[in-house]
Amino acid sequence: MTAEELKEIAKCGETTTIQFKQEFTSQKDIAKDMVAFANTRGGKIFFGIKDKTGDLIGLTYEEIQTVSRELGNTADEQVRPTIYIDTEVV
């Protein structure tokens, strides 16, 4: 995904398959979204975007590393059966 594509998605707002998160909150909260997406047609969770406004705020390098690690742990530890996720940094 390009930066321009991300900006377009942010402009359009959240949908049933697109969720925005300003930051990683907790494994249990994120697991709920993962399970909902896994039980439907899939979806994407974008971190570093304000939930209500779609404003791009971004993440620091450290935050990106933490989110990536926690997403993998969440998919492995909080979701049964385990799901496999893809992550991407834009």
C-alpha atoms as a PDB file:
ATOM      1  CA  MET A   1       0.000   0.000   0.000  1.00  0.00           C
ATOM      2  CA  THR A   2       1.249   3.445  -0.819  1.00  0.00           C
ATOM      3  CA  ALA A   3       1.036   6.547   1.365  1.00  0.00           C
ATOM      4  CA  GLU A   4      -1.528   7.984  -1.055  1.00  0.00           C
ATOM      5  CA  GLU A   5      -3.723   4.886  -0.778  1.00  0.00           C
ATOM      6  CA  LEU A   6      -3.547   5.128   3.010  1.00  0.00           C
ATOM      7  CA  LYS A   7      -4.585   8.795   2.911  1.00  0.00           C
ATOM      8  CA  GLU A   8      -7.600   7.892   0.747  1.00  0.00           C
ATOM      9  CA  ILE A   9      -8.661   5.152   3.160  1.00  0.00           C
ATOM     10  CA  ALA A  10      -8.312   7.520   6.129  1.00  0.00           C
ATOM     11  CA  LYS A  11     -10.427  10.148   4.329  1.00  0.00           C
ATOM     12  CA  CYS A  12     -13.252   7.668   3.763  1.00  0.00           C
ATOM     13  CA  GLY A  13     -13.465   6.644   7.430  1.00  0.00           C
ATOM     14  CA  GLU A  14     -14.115   3.369   9.178  1.00  0.00           C
ATOM     15  CA  THR A  15     -16.257   0.633   7.664  1.00  0.00           C
ATOM     16  CA  THR A  16     -17.154  -2.933   8.542  1.00  0.00           C
ATOM     17  CA  THR A  17     -13.774  -4.026   7.176  1.00  0.00           C
ATOM     18  CA  ILE A  18     -11.631  -1.001   8.110  1.00  0.00           C
ATOM     19  CA  GLN A  19     -10.868  -0.005  11.715  1.00  0.00           C
ATOM     20  CA  PHE A  20      -8.648   2.828  12.943  1.00  0.00           C
ATOM     21  CA  LYS A  21      -6.691   2.752  16.190  1.00  0.00           C
ATOM     22  CA  GLN A  22      -4.662   5.639  17.504  1.00  0.00           C
ATOM     23  CA  GLU A  23      -2.498   3.191  19.454  1.00  0.00           C
ATOM     24  CA  PHE A  24      -2.368  -0.424  20.578  1.00  0.00           C
ATOM     25  CA  THR A  25      -4.639  -0.606  23.618  1.00  0.00           C
ATOM     26  CA  SER A  26      -4.698  -4.199  24.840  1.00  0.00           C
ATOM     27  CA  GLN A  27      -4.526  -7.677  23.400  1.00  0.00           C
ATOM     28  CA  LYS A  28      -8.129  -8.399  24.432  1.00  0.00           C
ATOM     29  CA  ASP A  29      -9.487  -5.287  22.692  1.00  0.00           C
ATOM     30  CA  ILE A  30      -7.578  -5.968  19.476  1.00  0.00           C
ATOM     31  CA  ALA A  31      -8.497  -9.670  19.596  1.00  0.00           C
ATOM     32  CA  LYS A  32     -12.188  -8.694  19.391  1.00  0.00           C
ATOM     33  CA  ASP A  33     -11.584  -6.936  16.081  1.00  0.00           C
ATOM     34  CA  MET A  34      -9.439  -9.807  14.812  1.00  0.00           C
ATOM     35  CA  VAL A  35     -12.153 -12.351  15.620  1.00  0.00           C
ATOM     36  CA  ALA A  36     -14.848 -10.197  14.012  1.00  0.00           C
ATOM     37  CA  PHE A  37     -12.792  -9.924  10.827  1.00  0.00           C
ATOM     38  CA  ALA A  38     -11.928 -13.640  10.873  1.00  0.00           C
ATOM     39  CA  ASN A  39     -15.631 -14.511  11.155  1.00  0.00           C
ATOM     40  CA  THR A  40     -16.574 -12.398   8.145  1.00  0.00           C
ATOM     41  CA  ARG A  41     -14.719 -11.501   4.967  1.00  0.00           C
ATOM     42  CA  GLY A  42     -11.611 -10.185   6.677  1.00  0.00           C
ATOM     43  CA  GLY A  43     -10.561  -6.642   7.340  1.00  0.00           C
ATOM     44  CA  LYS A  44      -7.766  -4.267   8.196  1.00  0.00           C
ATOM     45  CA  ILE A  45      -6.798  -2.495  11.384  1.00  0.00           C
ATOM     46  CA  PHE A  46      -4.800   0.699  10.902  1.00  0.00           C
ATOM     47  CA  PHE A  47      -2.734   2.010  13.810  1.00  0.00           C
ATOM     48  CA  GLY A  48      -1.669   5.627  14.076  1.00  0.00           C
ATOM     49  CA  ILE A  49      -4.992   6.988  12.809  1.00  0.00           C
ATOM     50  CA  LYS A  50      -7.474   8.754  15.075  1.00  0.00           C
ATOM     51  CA  ASP A  51     -10.559   6.626  15.515  1.00  0.00           C
ATOM     52  CA  LYS A  52     -13.274   9.263  15.164  1.00  0.00           C
ATOM     53  CA  THR A  53     -11.698  11.725  12.734  1.00  0.00           C
ATOM     54  CA  GLY A  54      -9.428   9.631  10.518  1.00  0.00           C
ATOM     55  CA  ASP A  55      -6.547  12.038  11.179  1.00  0.00           C
ATOM     56  CA  LEU A  56      -3.169  10.479  10.417  1.00  0.00           C
ATOM     57  CA  ILE A  57      -0.951  10.837  13.485  1.00  0.00           C
ATOM     58  CA  GLY A  58       1.568   8.098  12.786  1.00  0.00           C
ATOM     59  CA  LEU A  59       3.680   5.990  15.122  1.00  0.00           C
ATOM     60  CA  THR A  60       7.272   6.226  16.277  1.00  0.00           C
ATOM     61  CA  TYR A  61       9.748   3.513  15.348  1.00  0.00           C
ATOM     62  CA  GLU A  62       9.429   2.074  18.871  1.00  0.00           C
ATOM     63  CA  GLU A  63       5.633   2.105  18.667  1.00  0.00           C
ATOM     64  CA  ILE A  64       5.753   0.292  15.321  1.00  0.00           C
ATOM     65  CA  GLN A  65       7.953  -2.405  16.830  1.00  0.00           C
ATOM     66  CA  THR A  66       5.643  -2.778  19.837  1.00  0.00           C
ATOM     67  CA  VAL A  67       2.480  -2.932  17.734  1.00  0.00           C
ATOM     68  CA  SER A  68       3.993  -5.522  15.381  1.00  0.00           C
ATOM     69  CA  ARG A  69       5.074  -7.714  18.273  1.00  0.00           C
ATOM     70  CA  GLU A  70       1.775  -7.357  20.136  1.00  0.00           C
ATOM     71  CA  LEU A  71      -0.311  -8.113  17.049  1.00  0.00           C
ATOM     72  CA  GLY A  72       1.527 -11.392  16.528  1.00  0.00           C
ATOM     73  CA  ASN A  73       1.191 -12.266  20.199  1.00  0.00           C
ATOM     74  CA  THR A  74      -2.502 -11.374  20.186  1.00  0.00           C
ATOM     75  CA  ALA A  75      -3.254 -13.564  17.160  1.00  0.00           C
ATOM     76  CA  ASP A  76      -1.366 -16.441  18.792  1.00  0.00           C
ATOM     77  CA  GLU A  77      -2.441 -16.094  22.430  1.00  0.00           C
ATOM     78  CA  GLN A  78      -5.913 -14.524  22.415  1.00  0.00           C
ATOM     79  CA  VAL A  79      -7.612 -16.047  19.365  1.00  0.00           C
ATOM     80  CA  ARG A  80      -8.644 -19.682  19.037  1.00  0.00           C
ATOM     81  CA  PRO A  81      -8.078 -21.203  16.645  1.00  0.00           C
ATOM     82  CA  THR A  82      -4.975 -19.164  16.010  1.00  0.00           C
ATOM     83  CA  ILE A  83      -5.218 -16.854  13.019  1.00  0.00           C
ATOM     84  CA  TYR A  84      -2.419 -15.765  10.749  1.00  0.00           C
ATOM     85  CA  ILE A  85      -2.040 -12.080  10.070  1.00  0.00           C
ATOM     86  CA  ASP A  86      -0.125  -9.874   7.673  1.00  0.00           C
ATOM     87  CA  THR A  87       1.381  -6.605   8.794  1.00  0.00           C
ATOM     88  CA  GLU A  88       2.680  -3.707   6.736  1.00  0.00           C
ATOM     89  CA  VAL A  89       4.298  -0.390   7.590  1.00  0.00           C
ATOM     90  CA  VAL A  90       3.374   2.638   5.480  1.00  0.00           C
END
